[in-house]
Protein backbone atom coordinates (compact mmCIF):
# COMPACT_ATOMS: atom_id res chain seq x y z
CA MET A 1 0.00 0.00 0.00
CA ARG A 2 1.37 3.33 -0.93
CA ALA A 3 2.25 5.72 1.88
CA ARG A 4 0.03 8.73 2.32
CA ARG A 5 1.30 12.18 3.00
CA ILE A 6 -0.35 14.78 5.14
CA ARG A 7 -1.57 17.40 2.71
CA ALA A 8 -0.81 20.93 3.73
CA GLY A 9 -3.92 22.02 1.93
CA LEU A 10 -6.08 20.03 4.33
CA ARG A 11 -4.80 21.73 7.44
CA GLY A 12 -6.56 24.60 9.11
CA TRP A 13 -9.94 26.02 8.34
CA GLY A 14 -9.42 25.68 4.62
CA GLY A 15 -9.25 21.86 4.91
CA VAL A 16 -12.49 21.78 6.82
CA GLY A 17 -14.20 23.96 4.25
CA ALA A 18 -12.94 21.81 1.38
CA MET A 19 -14.30 18.65 2.91
CA ALA A 20 -17.58 20.29 3.80
CA VAL A 21 -18.10 21.20 0.19
CA VAL A 22 -17.38 17.64 -1.11
CA CYS A 23 -18.86 16.30 1.53
CA VAL A 24 -38.14 -2.83 20.20
CA MET A 25 -36.44 -5.40 21.53
CA ALA A 26 -34.11 -8.03 20.20
CA LEU A 27 -31.70 -10.48 21.74
CA ALA A 28 -28.65 -9.29 23.58
CA PHE A 29 -26.15 -11.68 25.00
CA VAL A 30 -23.88 -11.78 28.02
CA LEU A 31 -20.62 -13.65 28.54
CA LEU A 32 -21.27 -16.59 30.85
CA LEU A 33 -18.85 -19.49 30.44
CA PRO A 34 -15.41 -19.43 28.83
CA LEU A 35 -14.64 -22.32 26.48
CA THR A 36 -11.46 -23.33 24.74
CA GLN A 37 -12.94 -24.59 21.46
CA SER A 38 -14.97 -22.95 18.73
CA ARG A 39 -18.03 -24.48 17.15
CA GLY A 40 -17.83 -27.31 14.69
CA ASP A 41 -19.66 -25.27 12.07
CA GLY A 42 -16.81 -23.92 10.02
CA SER A 43 -15.68 -21.47 12.70
CA THR A 44 -11.96 -21.02 13.20
CA GLY A 45 -10.22 -21.94 16.41
CA THR A 46 -9.05 -18.40 16.97
CA GLY A 47 -11.45 -17.75 19.82
CA GLY A 48 -9.64 -19.84 22.41
CA PRO A 49 -10.87 -18.96 25.89
CA GLY A 50 -12.71 -16.02 24.37
CA VAL A 51 -15.63 -18.17 23.17
CA ALA A 52 -18.57 -18.42 25.56
CA GLU A 53 -22.16 -19.54 25.73
CA GLY A 54 -24.68 -16.73 25.30
CA SER A 55 -28.21 -16.31 26.59
CA PRO A 56 -30.77 -13.53 26.24
CA VAL A 57 -30.57 -10.80 28.87
CA ALA A 58 -32.31 -7.51 29.46
CA ALA A 59 -30.62 -4.43 28.03
CA SER A 60 -30.13 -3.10 31.54
CA ALA A 61 -28.01 -6.17 32.36
CA CYS A 62 -25.73 -5.81 29.33
CA GLU A 63 -22.04 -5.59 30.06
CA ALA A 64 -19.01 -5.60 27.77
CA PRO A 65 -21.02 -5.30 24.53
CA GLU A 66 -17.81 -5.57 22.53
CA LYS A 67 -17.62 -9.25 23.55
CA GLN A 68 -21.12 -10.10 22.33
CA THR A 69 -20.39 -11.09 18.76
CA LEU A 70 -20.34 -14.37 16.85
CA ALA A 71 -17.27 -16.55 16.36
CA PRO A 72 -15.45 -16.17 13.02
CA SER A 73 -16.34 -18.39 10.08
CA SER A 74 -15.47 -18.47 6.39
CA ALA A 75 -18.74 -20.21 5.46
CA ASP A 76 -21.25 -18.47 3.20
CA GLY A 77 -24.86 -18.11 4.25
CA PRO A 78 -27.98 -16.32 3.01
CA ALA A 79 -26.72 -12.76 3.64
CA ILE A 80 -23.44 -13.36 1.83
CA ALA A 81 -25.20 -15.28 -0.94
CA ALA A 82 -27.48 -12.30 -1.56
CA ILE A 83 -24.47 -10.00 -1.92
CA LYS A 84 -22.71 -12.38 -4.30
CA ALA A 85 -25.89 -12.84 -6.36
CA ARG A 86 -25.83 -9.21 -7.47
CA THR A 87 -24.93 -8.89 -11.11
CA GLY A 88 -23.21 -6.39 -13.36
CA GLU A 89 -22.56 -2.98 -11.84
CA ARG A 90 -24.66 -3.94 -8.81
CA ARG A 91 -22.26 -6.71 -7.77
CA LYS A 92 -20.79 -4.64 -5.00
CA LEU A 93 -20.73 -4.52 -1.24
CA VAL A 94 -22.91 -1.60 -0.13
CA VAL A 95 -21.34 0.15 2.85
CA GLY A 96 -22.35 3.17 4.89
CA VAL A 97 -19.36 5.40 5.62
CA ASP A 98 -18.45 8.95 6.51
CA GLN A 99 -16.98 11.29 3.93
CA ASN A 100 -15.84 14.14 6.15
CA SER A 101 -13.98 12.52 9.07
CA TYR A 102 -10.36 13.43 8.41
CA ARG A 103 -8.16 10.33 8.09
CA TRP A 104 -11.06 7.95 8.80
CA GLY A 105 -13.44 8.36 5.89
CA TYR A 106 -13.02 11.59 3.94
CA ARG A 107 -12.74 12.94 0.44
CA ASP A 108 -9.29 14.35 -0.19
CA PRO A 109 -9.77 17.38 -2.48
CA ASN A 110 -6.10 17.14 -3.46
CA THR A 111 -6.56 13.76 -5.18
CA ALA A 112 -8.09 12.98 -8.55
CA GLY A 113 -11.86 12.72 -8.17
CA ALA A 114 -11.63 13.52 -4.44
CA ALA A 115 -11.55 9.78 -3.71
CA LEU A 116 -12.70 8.42 -0.37
CA GLU A 117 -9.73 7.57 1.84
CA GLY A 118 -8.95 6.75 5.43
CA PHE A 119 -8.64 4.03 8.06
CA ASP A 120 -12.28 2.94 7.83
CA ILE A 121 -12.10 2.91 4.03
CA ASP A 122 -9.09 0.57 4.11
CA LEU A 123 -11.09 -1.88 6.23
CA VAL A 124 -14.07 -1.72 3.88
CA ARG A 125 -11.86 -2.56 0.91
CA ARG A 126 -10.34 -5.52 2.79
CA ILE A 127 -13.84 -6.90 3.49
CA ALA A 128 -14.88 -6.41 -0.15
CA GLU A 129 -11.75 -8.21 -1.33
CA ASP A 130 -12.56 -11.19 0.87
CA LEU A 131 -16.24 -11.38 -0.08
CA LEU A 132 -16.11 -10.51 -3.77
CA GLY A 133 -12.46 -10.90 -4.71
CA ASP A 134 -12.14 -7.21 -5.58
CA ARG A 135 -11.19 -4.47 -3.13
CA ASP A 136 -12.87 -1.92 -5.38
CA ALA A 137 -16.20 -3.78 -5.50
CA VAL A 138 -17.78 -1.31 -3.08
CA GLN A 139 -20.67 1.11 -3.32
CA PHE A 140 -20.00 3.75 -0.69
CA LYS A 141 -22.97 5.56 0.80
CA ALA A 142 -22.40 8.64 2.93
CA ILE A 143 -24.45 8.14 6.09
CA PRO A 144 -24.94 10.83 8.79
CA THR A 145 -24.17 9.83 12.37
CA ASN A 146 -27.83 9.64 13.36
CA GLN A 147 -28.73 7.48 10.33
CA ARG A 148 -26.24 4.65 10.86
CA ILE A 149 -28.68 2.26 12.57
CA PRO A 150 -31.72 3.03 10.35
CA ALA A 151 -29.57 2.51 7.24
CA VAL A 152 -28.71 -1.02 8.40
CA GLN A 153 -32.20 -1.89 9.63
CA GLU A 154 -33.89 -0.67 6.45
CA GLY A 155 -31.47 -2.56 4.19
CA ARG A 156 -30.06 0.56 2.55
CA VAL A 157 -26.57 -0.79 3.25
CA ASP A 158 -25.04 -4.20 3.95
CA MET A 159 -22.99 -2.76 6.78
CA VAL A 160 -21.79 0.48 8.34
CA VAL A 161 -18.07 1.12 8.86
CA ARG A 162 -18.08 4.60 10.31
CA THR A 163 -16.25 5.04 13.63
CA MET A 164 -19.30 3.43 15.27
CA THR A 165 -18.97 2.54 18.95
CA ILE A 166 -20.34 -0.82 20.10
CA THR A 167 -22.84 -0.14 22.91
CA CYS A 168 -25.47 -2.06 24.86
CA ASP A 169 -28.29 0.04 23.40
CA ARG A 170 -27.09 -0.44 19.84
CA ILE A 171 -26.76 -4.22 20.03
CA GLU A 172 -30.52 -4.33 20.51
CA ASP A 173 -30.91 -2.89 17.02
CA VAL A 174 -27.94 -4.11 14.98
CA ALA A 175 -25.28 -6.81 15.12
CA PHE A 176 -21.65 -5.85 15.54
CA SER A 177 -18.38 -7.41 14.55
CA ALA A 178 -15.57 -7.84 17.01
CA PRO A 179 -13.88 -4.52 17.82
CA TYR A 180 -11.41 -3.13 15.32
CA PHE A 181 -10.34 0.02 17.20
CA LYS A 182 -10.05 1.27 20.77
CA THR A 183 -10.79 4.88 21.70
CA GLY A 184 -12.52 7.01 24.36
CA GLN A 185 -14.50 10.22 24.71
CA GLN A 186 -12.56 13.49 25.00
CA VAL A 187 -13.12 17.23 24.97
CA LEU A 188 -11.97 19.45 22.10
CA ALA A 189 -11.76 23.21 22.64
CA PRO A 190 -9.73 26.25 21.53
CA LYS A 191 -6.19 26.32 22.87
CA THR A 192 -6.98 29.63 24.55
CA SER A 193 -10.03 28.20 26.36
CA ALA A 194 -10.14 27.83 30.15
CA VAL A 195 -11.73 24.39 29.68
CA THR A 196 -9.34 21.75 31.01
CA GLY A 197 -11.31 18.59 30.31
CA TYR A 198 -14.52 16.75 31.09
CA ASP A 199 -15.00 18.48 34.41
CA GLY A 200 -16.35 21.55 36.17
CA THR A 201 -14.60 23.87 33.75
CA LEU A 202 -17.43 23.11 31.31
CA ALA A 203 -19.82 25.08 33.55
CA GLY A 204 -21.69 27.67 31.52
CA LYS A 205 -20.14 26.38 28.29
CA ARG A 206 -21.97 25.46 25.10
CA VAL A 207 -20.97 21.93 24.14
CA CYS A 208 -21.61 20.39 20.72
CA THR A 209 -22.15 16.69 20.02
CA ALA A 210 -23.45 14.66 17.10
CA ALA A 211 -27.05 13.46 17.41
CA GLY A 212 -27.19 9.72 18.01
CA SER A 213 -23.57 9.58 19.20
CA THR A 214 -22.31 8.04 22.42
CA ALA A 215 -20.94 11.47 23.36
CA ASN A 216 -24.40 13.00 23.09
CA ALA A 217 -25.95 10.36 25.35
CA ARG A 218 -23.14 10.48 27.91
CA LEU A 219 -23.12 14.26 28.17
CA ALA A 220 -26.89 14.52 28.66
CA ASP A 221 -26.87 11.72 31.25
CA ASP A 222 -23.99 13.21 33.24
CA VAL A 223 -25.59 16.66 33.39
CA LYS A 224 -28.87 15.12 34.52
CA ALA A 225 -27.11 13.00 37.14
CA GLY A 226 -25.15 15.94 38.50
CA LYS A 227 -21.77 14.58 37.40
CA LEU A 228 -21.31 17.77 35.39
CA PRO A 229 -22.53 21.28 36.30
CA ALA A 230 -26.20 21.89 35.52
CA THR A 231 -25.18 25.01 33.59
CA VAL A 232 -23.45 23.01 30.84
CA ASP A 233 -25.45 23.75 27.68
CA VAL A 234 -25.86 20.49 25.75
CA SER A 235 -28.56 21.73 23.37
CA THR A 236 -26.35 21.94 20.28
CA THR A 237 -26.44 18.74 18.24
CA VAL A 238 -25.53 18.17 14.61
CA SER A 239 -26.08 15.39 12.07
CA ASN A 240 -22.40 15.02 11.18
CA GLN A 241 -19.66 15.29 13.75
CA LEU A 242 -17.46 17.58 11.62
CA ASP A 243 -20.19 20.23 11.89
CA CYS A 244 -19.28 20.56 15.57
CA LEU A 245 -15.78 21.67 14.62
CA VAL A 246 -17.22 24.22 12.20
CA ARG A 247 -19.48 25.61 14.94
CA LEU A 248 -16.52 25.75 17.30
CA GLN A 249 -14.56 27.73 14.73
CA LEU A 250 -17.49 30.11 14.21
CA GLY A 251 -17.74 30.71 17.95
CA GLU A 252 -21.23 29.21 18.15
CA VAL A 253 -20.10 26.67 20.77
CA ASP A 254 -17.29 26.58 23.32
CA ALA A 255 -16.30 22.91 23.22
CA VAL A 256 -16.92 19.61 21.46
CA VAL A 257 -17.22 16.16 22.99
CA THR A 258 -16.49 13.24 20.71
CA ASP A 259 -14.29 10.17 20.35
CA GLY A 260 -10.67 11.02 21.04
CA ALA A 261 -9.63 9.41 17.75
CA LEU A 262 -11.90 11.78 15.83
CA ALA A 263 -11.02 14.76 18.02
CA ALA A 264 -7.31 14.23 17.34
CA SER A 265 -7.97 14.31 13.60
CA GLN A 266 -9.97 17.49 13.95
CA ALA A 267 -7.19 19.10 15.99
CA ALA A 268 -4.85 18.21 13.11
CA GLN A 269 -7.14 20.13 10.76
CA ASP A 270 -7.17 23.27 12.88
CA PRO A 271 -4.07 24.27 14.88
CA ALA A 272 -6.18 26.68 16.97
CA VAL A 273 -7.90 23.82 18.84
CA GLU A 274 -6.63 20.98 21.00
CA LEU A 275 -7.70 18.01 23.10
CA LYS A 276 -8.46 18.99 26.69
CA GLY A 277 -7.84 16.39 29.37
CA ALA A 278 -7.62 12.62 29.09
CA ALA A 279 -10.21 10.26 27.66
CA PHE A 280 -12.96 9.63 30.21
CA THR A 281 -14.40 6.45 28.67
CA THR A 282 -13.10 3.32 26.95
CA GLU A 283 -14.95 2.46 23.76
CA TYR A 284 -14.55 0.18 20.77
CA TYR A 285 -15.48 0.64 17.12
CA GLY A 286 -17.19 -2.22 15.34
CA VAL A 287 -18.71 -2.98 11.95
CA ALA A 288 -22.53 -2.78 12.21
CA MET A 289 -24.72 -5.25 10.29
CA ASN A 290 -28.29 -6.52 10.27
CA LYS A 291 -29.19 -8.66 13.27
CA ASP A 292 -30.34 -11.48 10.98
CA ALA A 293 -27.08 -11.57 9.00
CA ASP A 294 -25.25 -14.08 11.20
CA ASP A 295 -23.14 -15.41 8.34
CA LEU A 296 -22.01 -11.92 7.38
CA VAL A 297 -21.10 -11.09 10.98
CA ARG A 298 -19.05 -14.27 11.23
CA ARG A 299 -17.34 -13.60 7.92
CA VAL A 300 -16.39 -10.04 8.88
CA ASN A 301 -14.98 -11.40 12.15
CA GLN A 302 -12.95 -13.87 10.09
CA VAL A 303 -11.61 -10.98 8.00
CA LEU A 304 -10.72 -9.06 11.15
CA VAL A 305 -8.65 -11.99 12.47
CA ALA A 306 -6.46 -11.80 9.38
CA TYR A 307 -6.54 -8.00 9.28
CA ARG A 308 -5.21 -7.68 12.82
CA ALA A 309 -2.24 -9.83 11.81
CA ASP A 310 -1.61 -8.22 8.43
CA GLY A 311 -2.98 -4.85 7.42
CA TRP A 312 -4.24 -3.09 10.55
CA GLN A 313 -0.89 -1.66 11.64
CA ARG A 314 -0.01 -0.61 8.11
CA SER A 315 -3.30 1.28 7.81
CA TYR A 316 -2.73 2.87 11.21
CA ALA A 317 0.71 4.05 10.11
CA ASP A 318 -0.69 5.47 6.87
CA TRP A 319 -3.60 7.36 8.36
CA LEU A 320 -3.48 7.77 12.13
CA SER A 321 0.10 7.80 13.38
CA ALA A 322 0.40 11.52 12.60
CA THR A 323 -2.54 12.37 14.88
CA LEU A 324 -2.57 9.57 17.48
CA GLY A 325 1.13 8.81 17.80
CA SER A 326 3.51 6.26 16.33
CA ASP A 327 2.62 3.46 18.79
CA PRO A 328 -0.49 1.63 17.53
CA ALA A 329 -0.73 -0.50 20.68
CA THR A 330 -2.78 2.15 22.47
CA SER A 331 -5.48 1.91 19.80
CA MET A 332 -5.39 -1.82 19.00
CA PRO A 333 -8.32 -3.52 20.76
CA PRO A 334 -7.59 -6.56 22.93
CA ALA A 335 -7.87 -10.06 21.51
CA PRO A 336 -11.53 -10.54 20.57
CA GLN A 337 -13.95 -12.67 22.56
CA TYR A 338 -16.97 -14.33 20.97
CA LEU A 339 -20.31 -15.79 21.91
CA ARG A 340 -21.39 -19.30 21.09
CA THR A 341 -25.14 -19.28 20.54
CA GLY A 342 -25.94 -22.93 19.97
């Protein structure tokens, strides 16, 4: 894979403006009993002690949602068969992505055709190569943050690969792969701001989050519970997370709360802002798919096993080392753990 360079033209406010222009109840499972073998159904033996029996539990009892995914398998099933049955120009994997998250999924205006690039895009192409034998056999659909789950449920996409955190609430609505990235929520604010982090210094401040994001839910809950000052203004929400940075630059808000991985990329776009304080959560990104697509979930998990060994670190070096540091170990999720459901 060719090395990517940081484009000077993407830094600062100009880079943001360029990208802006081109830019109920189901089963949840809890880990109960560790096993040392995977199923005899085509699954690999990569799970080791991370394979466990699963049973339905209430959403309120959900813990460690990143461990509630199916064991890897290379076997085709109905969901994969439907993808492979597409013909002609339609024989593509349909994937919901972002197109304005710098270094994750974004259109680089300095490249021919402003092609989609980034860490998430690399993963999508690896999945397409495994399923269809062609890394370019992808139809990308730009999906706003608050439309990620509806897009999967309504069948508009086969999957969403869009810096999407695995949560207990979300696994009621969609199925997730094993984690492919580790991050945590952080505060982004102007360097000159008195805000020091996710703490009392946010009192009286206007804070922007993306609607439907984990940051939005956490911020509202913590203000309501008194963990943050009641004067924190959480009323500003946007459809796409990048819009929070634009509002911060325009002075319409005082701070942004989002995943630290995204916040670091936004700080790289605008040297006038910076991360404030340490991450105050631990979260994991996963690939979201339809809850009925068990074979597709297993296949993506199979791809991720190989990708962790060959490809993940190279993609990290290409896209994220400049913003998150040269050591990928801090962002590599732990060895995956899987459910056994039969």
